[in-house]
Amino acid sequence: MVMVDDLNEYLCEVPEALQPRFREIAVVVDRFCNQHLDSGYRDVCRRLLTCFCQPATGIERGKPASWAAGIVYEAGQLNFLTDPSSKPYIKSDEIAKGCGVSAATMHNKGTAIRETLDLRRYDLEFCIPNRLQDHPLSWIMELPDGIIVDIQHLPEEAKQQLSVAGKIPDPAEPPPVRDWRERIFKPSAATGSGTFYTLKIVLKYSEPEIWRRVQVPDCLLDELHEVIQVAMGWENYHLHEFVVGKDRYLPAPPDDRPFFWDDDGALLTDEALLSDVIPPRKPRQRKPFEFTYVYDFGDSWEHAILVEKIEELENGSMFPVCLEGERACPPEDCGGIWGLDRLLHALQHPKEPENEDLLDWAYGYKPEEFSPKEANATFKRWSLTP
């Protein structure tokens, strides 16, 4: 059970609009830490969650359990939780299982958290309190003459002289640590100039056609993946890839699992900009340049990405914009295009007995409904920077 009073220290650092989201994720984080870890890990997880639960991170998308798993995993990576010699110790797969998500989802969310907050293994701000005294970097200091030393290993006489002069902290006291609040993510400016792309995203083989039209600044394919997820209405539960000509682009595997999937010579989505893969538009070119985005290798949702415009704008929106679109995104895990067709048939024939279970599973799905407002409300909370 999450104690609300204990969360107030963290909630006051979270924008009001995101506080309900913070609470949803904190419930899962606290439950896991209470069952498998300790209060020290719980507090470090809350710090990470507070720093990341900010506009422009995308935390409002996806299941709370997915982000909770990523938070716990990154807290563990910072404190060597998955090292068998560590106490407490837990395997990374057990973190995912304990939060109720797949290992792939946990690693993907963890990567987003780590890269956004620029986390490093020895970050003191997120060190478990009972390990801080023995942390290898806790007592590394720069002396007045510019020399870097571990003050615990200085001669006693030098320690006393520097301590009296106020040049170093007293080694008998807890080591000085920068306030973790300084790591709270702050989004970049919302407008800028440069190259902007108008893209039409079409879910291949959908009938009637499901599509979106978006405008994005030049960005990484990794970021375009997030744009597609939001514009289409996917939940970012599964793996994905881009196919541009003969080249395949995949997200980087987790640091601790370099062979997480067989990349078969694929390039990385976090190293390629749109401007790297989309050729300049020719003056008389009629047919738009097209490439493919595949989401969920099981259901295999293929999307055609059509490059309709390439413009140089002086004052364009640095966040994406969904201009228009038609029809709702299919439900996750409905079985691909074949499963969607079966679901649409069931919706048209609700009284057929064989459709009862499927309609119960897809309760509330309205295939005709789509409005860009929800996507744009999300986009305005985050920005893309090449």
Protein backbone atom coordinates (compact mmCIF):
# COMPACT_ATOMS: atom_id res chain seq x y z
CA MET A 1 0.00 0.00 0.00
CA VAL A 2 1.44 3.40 -0.99
CA MET A 3 1.55 5.92 1.85
CA VAL A 4 0.41 9.24 0.40
CA ASP A 5 2.25 11.31 3.00
CA ASP A 6 5.54 9.63 2.03
CA LEU A 7 4.99 10.66 -1.58
CA ASN A 8 4.44 14.35 -0.95
CA GLU A 9 8.18 15.10 -1.05
CA TYR A 10 8.24 13.74 -4.58
CA LEU A 11 4.81 14.84 -5.81
CA CYS A 12 5.62 18.51 -5.24
CA GLU A 13 8.36 18.16 -7.90
CA VAL A 14 5.95 16.67 -10.47
CA PRO A 15 3.72 18.90 -12.65
CA GLU A 16 0.11 18.74 -11.49
CA ALA A 17 -1.07 17.26 -14.79
CA LEU A 18 1.28 14.30 -14.36
CA GLN A 19 0.69 13.66 -10.66
CA PRO A 20 -2.05 11.04 -11.26
CA ARG A 21 0.34 9.24 -13.61
CA PHE A 22 3.09 9.42 -10.98
CA ARG A 23 0.79 7.80 -8.42
CA GLU A 24 -0.19 4.99 -10.82
CA ILE A 25 3.44 4.08 -11.45
CA ALA A 26 4.47 4.57 -7.80
CA VAL A 27 1.87 2.01 -6.71
CA VAL A 28 3.57 -0.67 -8.81
CA VAL A 29 7.10 0.45 -7.85
CA ASP A 30 6.32 0.50 -4.13
CA ARG A 31 4.60 -2.86 -4.22
CA PHE A 32 7.60 -4.46 -5.92
CA CYS A 33 10.13 -2.85 -3.57
CA ASN A 34 8.12 -3.80 -0.50
CA GLN A 35 7.90 -7.42 -1.64
CA HIS A 36 11.38 -7.98 -3.06
CA LEU A 37 13.73 -5.16 -2.04
CA ASP A 38 13.79 -2.58 0.76
CA SER A 39 12.94 1.02 1.61
CA GLY A 40 16.30 2.25 0.31
CA TYR A 41 15.55 0.94 -3.17
CA ARG A 42 12.00 2.26 -2.93
CA ASP A 43 13.25 5.79 -2.25
CA VAL A 44 15.79 5.64 -5.08
CA CYS A 45 13.04 4.43 -7.44
CA ARG A 46 10.85 7.34 -6.34
CA ARG A 47 13.68 9.77 -7.07
CA LEU A 48 14.11 8.36 -10.57
CA LEU A 49 10.36 8.39 -11.16
CA THR A 50 10.13 12.02 -10.03
CA CYS A 51 12.98 13.09 -12.32
CA PHE A 52 11.43 11.29 -15.30
CA CYS A 53 7.75 12.08 -14.62
CA GLN A 54 8.02 15.39 -16.44
CA PRO A 55 6.71 16.89 -19.69
CA ALA A 56 8.39 15.75 -22.90
CA THR A 57 9.47 12.30 -21.65
CA GLY A 58 6.48 10.38 -22.99
CA ILE A 59 5.75 8.83 -19.59
CA GLU A 60 2.02 9.38 -20.04
CA ARG A 61 2.01 6.70 -22.77
CA GLY A 62 1.96 2.98 -22.08
CA LYS A 63 1.09 0.88 -19.05
CA PRO A 64 2.13 2.07 -15.57
CA ALA A 65 3.63 -1.38 -14.95
CA SER A 66 5.92 -0.98 -17.97
CA TRP A 67 7.40 2.27 -16.65
CA ALA A 68 7.57 0.84 -13.11
CA ALA A 69 9.63 -2.09 -14.38
CA GLY A 70 11.96 0.30 -16.22
CA ILE A 71 12.38 2.44 -13.09
CA VAL A 72 13.19 -0.54 -10.85
CA TYR A 73 15.54 -1.99 -13.47
CA GLU A 74 17.50 1.26 -13.82
CA ALA A 75 17.66 1.72 -10.03
CA GLY A 76 19.07 -1.79 -9.90
CA GLN A 77 21.60 -1.10 -12.64
CA LEU A 78 22.83 1.98 -10.77
CA ASN A 79 23.30 -0.08 -7.61
CA PHE A 80 24.40 -3.45 -9.03
CA LEU A 81 21.17 -5.16 -7.98
CA THR A 82 21.59 -7.87 -10.64
CA ASP A 83 25.12 -8.75 -9.43
CA PRO A 84 24.93 -12.06 -7.50
CA SER A 85 27.42 -10.71 -4.94
CA SER A 86 25.05 -7.83 -4.14
CA LYS A 87 22.52 -7.84 -1.31
CA PRO A 88 19.68 -7.63 -2.06
CA TYR A 89 20.09 -9.45 -5.36
CA ILE A 90 17.53 -10.17 -8.05
CA LYS A 91 17.73 -11.18 -11.69
CA SER A 92 16.56 -8.66 -14.28
CA ASP A 93 13.98 -11.08 -15.69
CA GLU A 94 12.50 -11.38 -12.20
CA ILE A 95 12.00 -7.61 -12.10
CA ALA A 96 9.97 -7.77 -15.32
CA LYS A 97 7.98 -10.75 -14.07
CA GLY A 98 7.35 -9.11 -10.69
CA CYS A 99 5.95 -6.01 -12.41
CA GLY A 100 3.89 -8.09 -14.84
CA VAL A 101 5.59 -7.07 -18.11
CA SER A 102 7.91 -8.68 -20.64
CA ALA A 103 11.68 -8.34 -20.35
CA ALA A 104 11.75 -6.56 -23.73
CA THR A 105 9.28 -3.93 -22.50
CA MET A 106 11.25 -3.42 -19.29
CA HIS A 107 14.52 -2.95 -21.18
CA ASN A 108 12.96 -0.54 -23.66
CA LYS A 109 11.51 1.63 -20.89
CA GLY A 110 14.76 1.43 -18.94
CA THR A 111 16.70 2.61 -21.98
CA ALA A 112 14.37 5.62 -22.37
CA ILE A 113 14.82 6.52 -18.69
CA ARG A 114 18.59 6.07 -18.74
CA GLU A 115 19.13 8.11 -21.89
CA THR A 116 16.73 10.90 -20.92
CA LEU A 117 18.27 11.38 -17.45
CA ASP A 118 21.81 10.61 -18.66
CA LEU A 119 22.28 7.98 -15.93
CA ARG A 120 25.67 6.47 -15.09
CA ARG A 121 26.53 3.43 -12.99
CA TYR A 122 28.12 5.48 -10.21
CA ASP A 123 25.57 8.32 -9.95
CA LEU A 124 25.68 9.30 -6.30
CA GLU A 125 22.25 10.97 -6.39
CA PHE A 126 20.65 7.57 -6.93
CA CYS A 127 22.87 5.48 -4.66
CA ILE A 128 21.14 3.30 -2.06
CA PRO A 129 21.61 5.19 1.27
CA ASN A 130 23.24 2.33 3.17
CA ARG A 131 25.88 2.02 0.44
CA LEU A 132 26.72 5.69 0.17
CA GLN A 133 29.43 5.64 2.83
CA ASP A 134 31.36 2.96 0.94
CA HIS A 135 30.60 4.23 -2.55
CA PRO A 136 33.84 4.37 -4.60
CA LEU A 137 33.18 7.96 -5.67
CA SER A 138 31.74 9.35 -2.44
CA TRP A 139 35.04 10.72 -1.16
CA ILE A 140 36.70 11.73 -4.42
CA MET A 141 37.40 15.45 -4.04
CA GLU A 142 39.35 18.18 -5.81
CA LEU A 143 41.71 19.88 -3.39
CA PRO A 144 42.37 23.64 -3.51
CA ASP A 145 45.51 23.04 -5.56
CA GLY A 146 43.53 21.12 -8.19
CA ILE A 147 44.69 17.63 -7.21
CA ILE A 148 41.98 14.91 -7.25
CA VAL A 149 42.22 12.58 -4.26
CA ASP A 150 40.22 10.15 -2.16
CA ILE A 151 40.13 12.12 1.07
CA GLN A 152 39.73 8.98 3.15
CA HIS A 153 43.26 8.00 2.19
CA LEU A 154 44.89 11.31 3.09
CA PRO A 155 47.20 11.40 6.11
CA GLU A 156 45.30 12.22 9.32
CA GLU A 157 47.17 15.49 9.75
CA ALA A 158 46.20 16.65 6.24
CA LYS A 159 42.58 15.63 6.84
CA GLN A 160 42.39 17.64 10.05
CA GLN A 161 43.97 20.72 8.51
CA LEU A 162 41.67 20.68 5.47
CA SER A 163 38.62 19.94 7.62
CA VAL A 164 39.33 22.81 10.01
CA ALA A 165 39.83 25.11 7.04
CA GLY A 166 36.45 24.01 5.67
CA LYS A 167 38.02 22.70 2.48
CA ILE A 168 36.72 19.12 2.80
CA PRO A 169 33.84 17.46 4.66
CA ASP A 170 34.39 15.46 7.81
CA PRO A 171 34.86 11.79 6.78
CA ALA A 172 33.00 10.79 9.94
CA GLU A 173 29.85 12.43 8.53
CA PRO A 174 27.81 11.22 5.53
CA PRO A 175 29.51 12.12 2.23
CA PRO A 176 28.28 15.21 0.36
CA VAL A 177 25.92 14.41 -2.50
CA ARG A 178 24.43 16.77 -5.07
CA ASP A 179 20.69 17.22 -4.61
CA TRP A 180 18.95 14.62 -6.80
CA ARG A 181 16.37 17.27 -7.80
CA GLU A 182 19.00 18.83 -10.05
CA ARG A 183 18.53 15.80 -12.31
CA ILE A 184 14.84 16.48 -12.96
CA PHE A 185 14.35 16.47 -16.71
CA LYS A 186 13.64 19.86 -18.27
CA PRO A 187 12.27 19.89 -21.85
CA SER A 188 13.86 21.98 -24.54
CA ALA A 189 12.28 24.93 -26.33
CA ALA A 190 9.06 24.30 -28.25
CA THR A 191 9.84 26.09 -31.53
CA GLY A 192 12.70 26.32 -33.93
CA SER A 193 13.79 26.49 -37.56
CA GLY A 194 15.02 23.79 -39.89
CA THR A 195 13.78 20.88 -41.98
CA PHE A 196 10.24 19.63 -41.41
CA TYR A 197 8.60 16.57 -42.92
CA THR A 198 4.93 15.95 -43.66
CA LEU A 199 4.39 12.19 -43.49
CA LYS A 200 1.35 10.08 -44.22
CA ILE A 201 1.31 6.91 -42.12
CA VAL A 202 -0.87 4.16 -43.58
CA LEU A 203 -1.55 0.81 -41.91
CA LYS A 204 -1.00 -1.54 -44.82
CA TYR A 205 -3.80 -3.89 -45.87
CA SER A 206 -6.35 -2.18 -43.58
CA GLU A 207 -9.81 -1.93 -45.16
CA PRO A 208 -11.23 0.64 -44.69
CA GLU A 209 -7.84 2.32 -44.58
CA ILE A 210 -6.42 3.43 -41.22
CA TRP A 211 -4.07 6.39 -41.67
CA ARG A 212 -2.56 9.50 -40.07
CA ARG A 213 -0.88 12.61 -41.44
CA VAL A 214 1.81 14.15 -39.22
CA GLN A 215 4.39 16.91 -39.43
CA VAL A 216 7.69 16.37 -37.63
CA PRO A 217 10.99 18.22 -37.44
CA ASP A 218 14.09 16.35 -38.52
CA CYS A 219 14.55 13.70 -35.83
CA LEU A 220 16.00 10.29 -35.10
CA LEU A 221 14.16 7.21 -36.32
CA ASP A 222 14.01 6.24 -32.65
CA GLU A 223 11.95 9.38 -32.05
CA LEU A 224 9.84 8.85 -35.17
CA HIS A 225 8.88 5.48 -33.67
CA GLU A 226 7.44 7.34 -30.67
CA VAL A 227 5.57 9.73 -32.99
CA ILE A 228 3.99 6.83 -34.88
CA GLN A 229 3.00 5.10 -31.65
CA VAL A 230 1.20 8.22 -30.39
CA ALA A 231 -0.39 9.24 -33.70
CA MET A 232 -1.66 5.76 -34.50
CA GLY A 233 -2.67 4.94 -30.94
CA TRP A 234 -0.42 1.95 -30.25
CA GLU A 235 0.76 1.24 -26.69
CA ASN A 236 4.46 0.57 -27.42
CA TYR A 237 4.36 -2.94 -25.98
CA HIS A 238 6.34 -4.69 -28.71
CA LEU A 239 9.50 -4.55 -30.79
CA HIS A 240 9.68 -2.60 -34.03
CA GLU A 241 11.87 -1.87 -37.04
CA PHE A 242 12.14 0.50 -39.99
CA VAL A 243 12.91 -0.75 -43.49
CA VAL A 244 14.34 1.82 -45.90
CA GLY A 245 15.22 0.27 -49.23
CA LYS A 246 17.48 -2.65 -48.40
CA ASP A 247 18.42 -1.30 -44.95
CA ARG A 248 16.81 -2.36 -41.67
CA TYR A 249 16.90 -0.14 -38.58
CA LEU A 250 16.36 -1.60 -35.12
CA PRO A 251 16.53 -0.08 -31.63
CA ALA A 252 19.79 -0.76 -29.82
CA PRO A 253 19.70 -3.89 -27.58
CA PRO A 254 20.01 -3.35 -23.83
CA ASP A 255 23.58 -2.73 -22.59
CA ASP A 256 23.64 -5.89 -20.50
CA ARG A 257 22.09 -8.04 -23.23
CA PRO A 258 23.97 -7.18 -26.43
CA PHE A 259 22.61 -10.26 -28.21
CA PHE A 260 19.02 -9.68 -27.08
CA TRP A 261 17.89 -10.17 -30.69
CA ASP A 262 19.56 -11.10 -33.93
CA ASP A 263 20.06 -7.82 -35.75
CA ASP A 264 21.26 -9.53 -38.95
CA GLY A 265 23.44 -6.52 -39.77
CA ALA A 266 20.71 -3.99 -39.02
CA LEU A 267 21.50 -0.32 -38.37
CA LEU A 268 20.40 1.50 -35.21
CA THR A 269 17.36 3.74 -34.95
CA ASP A 270 19.09 5.99 -32.40
CA GLU A 271 21.88 6.78 -34.86
CA ALA A 272 19.89 7.69 -38.01
CA LEU A 273 18.02 10.94 -38.66
CA LEU A 274 15.14 11.30 -41.07
CA SER A 275 17.45 13.46 -43.16
CA ASP A 276 19.90 10.54 -43.32
CA VAL A 277 17.40 8.11 -44.82
CA ILE A 278 15.05 10.36 -46.84
CA PRO A 279 16.61 11.67 -50.07
CA PRO A 280 15.97 15.31 -51.12
CA ARG A 281 12.78 15.67 -53.12
CA LYS A 282 13.37 16.17 -56.85
CA PRO A 283 11.61 19.08 -58.62
CA ARG A 284 9.45 16.89 -60.89
CA GLN A 285 9.05 13.98 -58.52
CA ARG A 286 5.39 12.91 -58.41
CA LYS A 287 5.44 9.74 -56.35
CA PRO A 288 6.37 10.38 -52.69
CA PHE A 289 9.34 8.58 -51.20
CA GLU A 290 8.14 5.62 -49.15
CA PHE A 291 9.61 3.45 -46.42
CA THR A 292 8.18 0.93 -43.96
CA TYR A 293 7.64 0.76 -40.22
CA VAL A 294 6.84 -2.64 -38.70
CA TYR A 295 5.41 -2.90 -35.19
CA ASP A 296 4.95 -6.15 -33.22
CA PHE A 297 6.80 -8.93 -34.99
CA GLY A 298 4.06 -11.37 -33.94
CA ASP A 299 1.03 -9.52 -35.33
CA SER A 300 3.30 -7.83 -37.91
CA TRP A 301 1.61 -4.47 -38.31
CA GLU A 302 3.21 -2.95 -41.41
CA HIS A 303 2.93 0.79 -41.95
CA ALA A 304 3.77 2.63 -45.15
CA ILE A 305 5.45 5.99 -44.40
CA LEU A 306 4.90 8.36 -47.34
CA VAL A 307 7.02 11.52 -47.45
CA GLU A 308 4.57 14.09 -48.83
CA LYS A 309 6.49 17.33 -48.13
CA ILE A 310 9.98 18.42 -47.14
CA GLU A 311 10.08 22.07 -46.07
CA GLU A 312 12.56 24.50 -44.59
CA LEU A 313 10.63 26.49 -41.98
CA GLU A 314 11.86 29.48 -39.98
CA ASN A 315 9.43 29.04 -37.13
CA GLY A 316 8.13 25.50 -37.10
CA SER A 317 6.84 23.51 -34.15
CA MET A 318 9.60 21.56 -32.44
CA PHE A 319 7.03 19.04 -31.28
CA PRO A 320 5.22 16.82 -33.80
CA VAL A 321 1.71 17.65 -34.98
CA CYS A 322 -0.98 15.21 -36.08
CA LEU A 323 -2.79 17.03 -38.88
CA GLU A 324 -5.54 14.52 -39.64
CA GLY A 325 -6.37 10.85 -39.96
CA GLU A 326 -9.13 8.27 -40.20
CA ARG A 327 -10.33 5.32 -38.13
CA ALA A 328 -9.16 4.00 -34.80
CA CYS A 329 -5.98 2.04 -34.20
CA PRO A 330 -6.56 -1.74 -33.90
CA PRO A 331 -6.45 -3.18 -30.38
CA GLU A 332 -3.04 -4.49 -29.32
CA ASP A 333 -2.56 -8.26 -29.76
CA CYS A 334 -5.73 -8.74 -31.81
CA GLY A 335 -3.91 -10.99 -34.30
CA GLY A 336 -2.70 -8.67 -37.03
CA ILE A 337 -4.70 -7.70 -40.11
CA TRP A 338 -6.46 -11.06 -40.16
CA GLY A 339 -7.48 -10.63 -36.52
CA LEU A 340 -8.65 -7.07 -37.20
CA ASP A 341 -10.82 -8.26 -40.09
CA ARG A 342 -12.33 -10.91 -37.85
CA LEU A 343 -13.01 -8.30 -35.15
CA LEU A 344 -14.67 -5.92 -37.64
CA HIS A 345 -16.84 -8.79 -38.85
CA ALA A 346 -17.82 -9.57 -35.25
CA LEU A 347 -18.76 -5.93 -34.64
CA GLN A 348 -21.03 -6.04 -37.68
CA HIS A 349 -22.60 -9.34 -36.54
CA PRO A 350 -22.79 -9.02 -32.74
CA LYS A 351 -25.58 -11.57 -32.33
CA GLU A 352 -23.63 -14.49 -33.78
CA PRO A 353 -22.71 -16.79 -30.84
CA GLU A 354 -19.15 -17.40 -32.04
CA ASN A 355 -18.43 -13.65 -31.77
CA GLU A 356 -19.41 -13.29 -28.11
CA ASP A 357 -15.97 -13.90 -26.55
CA LEU A 358 -14.20 -11.68 -29.08
CA LEU A 359 -16.59 -8.80 -28.49
CA ASP A 360 -16.17 -9.15 -24.72
CA TRP A 361 -12.38 -9.00 -25.17
CA ALA A 362 -12.59 -5.90 -27.42
CA TYR A 363 -15.27 -4.16 -25.36
CA GLY A 364 -15.33 -0.42 -26.05
CA TYR A 365 -13.44 -0.58 -29.35
CA LYS A 366 -14.97 1.86 -31.85
CA PRO A 367 -13.25 1.39 -35.22
CA GLU A 368 -14.67 4.52 -36.87
CA GLU A 369 -13.55 6.98 -34.20
CA PHE A 370 -10.38 9.05 -34.43
CA SER A 371 -9.49 12.58 -33.41
CA PRO A 372 -6.02 14.13 -33.61
CA LYS A 373 -6.69 16.11 -30.39
CA GLU A 374 -5.48 13.38 -28.03
CA ALA A 375 -2.29 12.81 -29.99
CA ASN A 376 -1.56 16.54 -30.17
CA ALA A 377 -2.16 16.96 -26.45
CA THR A 378 0.57 14.39 -25.90
CA PHE A 379 2.90 15.92 -28.50
CA LYS A 380 2.71 19.34 -26.87
CA ARG A 381 4.23 17.88 -23.70
CA TRP A 382 7.40 16.82 -25.41
CA SER A 383 9.79 18.05 -28.08
CA LEU A 384 12.06 16.45 -30.60
CA THR A 385 15.62 17.61 -31.07
CA PRO A 386 17.93 16.14 -33.74
